[in-house]
């Protein structure tokens, strides 16, 4: 059942993002949708609303963009006892692997492929 819920929740989050992109004015770009979903995940995580979704769907809730916002808030809350530096370090530590993979993936793609244009 865990695969089922991961598929349903992850698919629903991605479908919702696509609907937001398709149904908003043209000036609302992919970047706007990305930021919106990260912020919504952070807010839901801060309010304690995203944790049950993560427990139900696992990677279906943590891999899409709201999961990144949730991870930032979770890390920041864990580091909050150490002051401002702990808040910043906690958020970065919680998302370090994802950020590293994104940067290295972008670098590898830039080295291997030529843009069309």
C-alpha atoms as a PDB file:
ATOM      1  CA  UNK A   1       0.000   0.000   0.000  1.00  0.00           C
ATOM      2  CA  UNK A   2       2.923   2.374   0.544  1.00  0.00           C
ATOM      3  CA  UNK A   3       3.659   2.409  -3.196  1.00  0.00           C
ATOM      4  CA  UNK A   4       0.022   3.139  -3.908  1.00  0.00           C
ATOM      5  CA  UNK A   5      -0.113   6.140  -1.548  1.00  0.00           C
ATOM      6  CA  UNK A   6       3.226   7.451  -2.774  1.00  0.00           C
ATOM      7  CA  UNK A   7       1.915   7.330  -6.335  1.00  0.00           C
ATOM      8  CA  UNK A   8      -1.449   8.922  -5.474  1.00  0.00           C
ATOM      9  CA  UNK A   9      -0.060  11.735  -3.303  1.00  0.00           C
ATOM     10  CA  UNK A  10       2.935  12.476  -5.532  1.00  0.00           C
ATOM     11  CA  UNK A  11       0.722  12.428  -8.599  1.00  0.00           C
ATOM     12  CA  UNK A  12      -1.841  14.687  -6.943  1.00  0.00           C
ATOM     13  CA  UNK A  13       0.820  17.229  -5.973  1.00  0.00           C
ATOM     14  CA  UNK A  14       2.252  17.250  -9.496  1.00  0.00           C
ATOM     15  CA  UNK A  15      -1.215  17.478 -11.041  1.00  0.00           C
ATOM     16  CA  UNK A  16      -2.053  20.390  -8.765  1.00  0.00           C
ATOM     17  CA  UNK A  17       1.129  22.196  -9.814  1.00  0.00           C
ATOM     18  CA  UNK A  18       0.300  21.649 -13.494  1.00  0.00           C
ATOM     19  CA  UNK A  19      -3.232  22.938 -12.978  1.00  0.00           C
ATOM     20  CA  UNK A  20      -1.914  26.068 -11.249  1.00  0.00           C
ATOM     21  CA  UNK A  21       0.430  26.614 -14.181  1.00  0.00           C
ATOM     22  CA  UNK A  22      -2.268  26.016 -16.799  1.00  0.00           C
ATOM     23  CA  UNK A  23      -5.076  27.989 -15.156  1.00  0.00           C
ATOM     24  CA  UNK A  24      -3.226  31.145 -14.125  1.00  0.00           C
ATOM     25  CA  UNK A  25      -2.357  34.157 -16.297  1.00  0.00           C
ATOM     26  CA  UNK A  26       0.635  33.762 -18.644  1.00  0.00           C
ATOM     27  CA  UNK A  27       2.808  35.965 -16.442  1.00  0.00           C
ATOM     28  CA  UNK A  28       2.665  33.231 -13.762  1.00  0.00           C
ATOM     29  CA  UNK A  29       5.720  31.211 -14.829  1.00  0.00           C
ATOM     30  CA  UNK A  30       7.171  27.830 -13.869  1.00  0.00           C
ATOM     31  CA  UNK A  31       9.452  29.637 -11.439  1.00  0.00           C
ATOM     32  CA  UNK A  32       6.454  31.179  -9.710  1.00  0.00           C
ATOM     33  CA  UNK A  33       4.842  27.745  -9.330  1.00  0.00           C
ATOM     34  CA  UNK A  34       8.069  26.278  -7.948  1.00  0.00           C
ATOM     35  CA  UNK A  35       8.431  29.020  -5.342  1.00  0.00           C
ATOM     36  CA  UNK A  36       4.726  28.817  -4.468  1.00  0.00           C
ATOM     37  CA  UNK A  37       4.905  25.081  -3.820  1.00  0.00           C
ATOM     38  CA  UNK A  38       8.093  25.295  -1.751  1.00  0.00           C
ATOM     39  CA  UNK A  39       6.554  28.055   0.368  1.00  0.00           C
ATOM     40  CA  UNK A  40       3.271  26.142   0.760  1.00  0.00           C
ATOM     41  CA  UNK A  41       5.227  23.062   1.858  1.00  0.00           C
ATOM     42  CA  UNK A  42       7.154  25.165   4.368  1.00  0.00           C
ATOM     43  CA  UNK A  43       3.976  26.705   5.766  1.00  0.00           C
ATOM     44  CA  UNK A  44       2.230  23.326   5.974  1.00  0.00           C
ATOM     45  CA  UNK A  45       5.313  21.861   7.649  1.00  0.00           C
ATOM     46  CA  UNK A  46       5.489  24.691  10.155  1.00  0.00           C
ATOM     47  CA  UNK A  47       1.821  24.231  11.036  1.00  0.00           C
ATOM     48  CA  UNK A  48       2.274  20.476  11.422  1.00  0.00           C
ATOM     49  CA  UNK A  49      -0.010  19.676   8.491  1.00  0.00           C
ATOM     50  CA  UNK A  50       2.577  18.144   6.158  1.00  0.00           C
ATOM     51  CA  UNK A  51       4.027  15.522   8.543  1.00  0.00           C
ATOM     52  CA  UNK A  52       0.903  13.263   8.334  1.00  0.00           C
ATOM     53  CA  UNK A  53       1.120  13.404   4.539  1.00  0.00           C
ATOM     54  CA  UNK A  54       4.793  12.369   4.686  1.00  0.00           C
ATOM     55  CA  UNK A  55       3.940   9.503   7.027  1.00  0.00           C
ATOM     56  CA  UNK A  56       1.175   8.337   4.685  1.00  0.00           C
ATOM     57  CA  UNK A  57       2.921   8.748   1.325  1.00  0.00           C
ATOM     58  CA  UNK A  58       6.665   8.712   2.085  1.00  0.00           C
ATOM     59  CA  UNK A  59       8.562   9.706  -1.045  1.00  0.00           C
ATOM     60  CA  UNK A  60       5.303  10.693  -2.731  1.00  0.00           C
ATOM     61  CA  UNK A  61       5.223  13.661  -0.362  1.00  0.00           C
ATOM     62  CA  UNK A  62       8.934  14.323   0.172  1.00  0.00           C
ATOM     63  CA  UNK A  63      10.188  14.282  -3.428  1.00  0.00           C
ATOM     64  CA  UNK A  64       7.883  16.960  -4.952  1.00  0.00           C
ATOM     65  CA  UNK A  65       8.623  20.631  -4.245  1.00  0.00           C
ATOM     66  CA  UNK A  66       6.442  21.020  -1.140  1.00  0.00           C
ATOM     67  CA  UNK A  67       8.631  18.330   0.421  1.00  0.00           C
ATOM     68  CA  UNK A  68      11.658  20.598   0.000  1.00  0.00           C
ATOM     69  CA  UNK A  69       9.921  23.405   1.889  1.00  0.00           C
ATOM     70  CA  UNK A  70       8.870  20.905   4.552  1.00  0.00           C
ATOM     71  CA  UNK A  71      12.459  19.655   4.925  1.00  0.00           C
ATOM     72  CA  UNK A  72      13.762  23.224   5.264  1.00  0.00           C
ATOM     73  CA  UNK A  73      11.328  23.955   8.096  1.00  0.00           C
ATOM     74  CA  UNK A  74      11.952  20.618   9.836  1.00  0.00           C
ATOM     75  CA  UNK A  75      15.702  21.258   9.813  1.00  0.00           C
ATOM     76  CA  UNK A  76      15.272  24.847  10.954  1.00  0.00           C
ATOM     77  CA  UNK A  77      13.055  23.758  13.845  1.00  0.00           C
ATOM     78  CA  UNK A  78      15.608  21.144  14.924  1.00  0.00           C
ATOM     79  CA  UNK A  79      18.372  23.764  14.934  1.00  0.00           C
ATOM     80  CA  UNK A  80      16.277  26.488  16.566  1.00  0.00           C
ATOM     81  CA  UNK A  81      17.684  25.767  20.030  1.00  0.00           C
ATOM     82  CA  UNK A  82      21.083  27.006  18.846  1.00  0.00           C
ATOM     83  CA  UNK A  83      19.889  30.459  17.794  1.00  0.00           C
ATOM     84  CA  UNK A  84      19.877  32.038  14.347  1.00  0.00           C
ATOM     85  CA  UNK A  85      22.947  30.129  13.183  1.00  0.00           C
ATOM     86  CA  UNK A  86      21.281  26.861  14.212  1.00  0.00           C
ATOM     87  CA  UNK A  87      18.127  27.758  12.321  1.00  0.00           C
ATOM     88  CA  UNK A  88      20.081  28.469   9.116  1.00  0.00           C
ATOM     89  CA  UNK A  89      22.417  25.497   9.520  1.00  0.00           C
ATOM     90  CA  UNK A  90      19.541  23.140  10.362  1.00  0.00           C
ATOM     91  CA  UNK A  91      17.609  24.058   7.229  1.00  0.00           C
ATOM     92  CA  UNK A  92      20.685  23.695   5.036  1.00  0.00           C
ATOM     93  CA  UNK A  93      21.741  20.409   6.648  1.00  0.00           C
ATOM     94  CA  UNK A  94      18.285  18.933   6.114  1.00  0.00           C
ATOM     95  CA  UNK A  95      18.351  19.749   2.399  1.00  0.00           C
ATOM     96  CA  UNK A  96      22.069  19.413   1.645  1.00  0.00           C
ATOM     97  CA  UNK A  97      21.790  16.142  -0.292  1.00  0.00           C
ATOM     98  CA  UNK A  98      19.017  17.451  -2.552  1.00  0.00           C
ATOM     99  CA  UNK A  99      20.864  20.691  -3.215  1.00  0.00           C
ATOM    100  CA  UNK A 100      24.106  18.853  -3.963  1.00  0.00           C
ATOM    101  CA  UNK A 101      22.414  16.487  -6.415  1.00  0.00           C
ATOM    102  CA  UNK A 102      20.703  19.411  -8.164  1.00  0.00           C
ATOM    103  CA  UNK A 103      23.930  21.379  -8.534  1.00  0.00           C
ATOM    104  CA  UNK A 104      25.965  18.384  -9.720  1.00  0.00           C
ATOM    105  CA  UNK A 105      23.184  17.297 -12.071  1.00  0.00           C
ATOM    106  CA  UNK A 106      23.061  20.779 -13.582  1.00  0.00           C
ATOM    107  CA  UNK A 107      26.837  20.839 -13.955  1.00  0.00           C
ATOM    108  CA  UNK A 108      26.917  17.408 -15.594  1.00  0.00           C
ATOM    109  CA  UNK A 109      24.101  18.362 -17.966  1.00  0.00           C
ATOM    110  CA  UNK A 110      25.881  21.597 -18.921  1.00  0.00           C
ATOM    111  CA  UNK A 111      29.105  19.716 -19.633  1.00  0.00           C
ATOM    112  CA  UNK A 112      27.527  16.914 -21.679  1.00  0.00           C
ATOM    113  CA  UNK A 113      24.921  18.697 -23.772  1.00  0.00           C
ATOM    114  CA  UNK A 114      24.791  21.740 -26.046  1.00  0.00           C
ATOM    115  CA  UNK A 115      21.711  23.957 -25.854  1.00  0.00           C
ATOM    116  CA  UNK A 116      19.453  24.320 -28.852  1.00  0.00           C
ATOM    117  CA  UNK A 117      19.061  27.890 -29.872  1.00  0.00           C
END
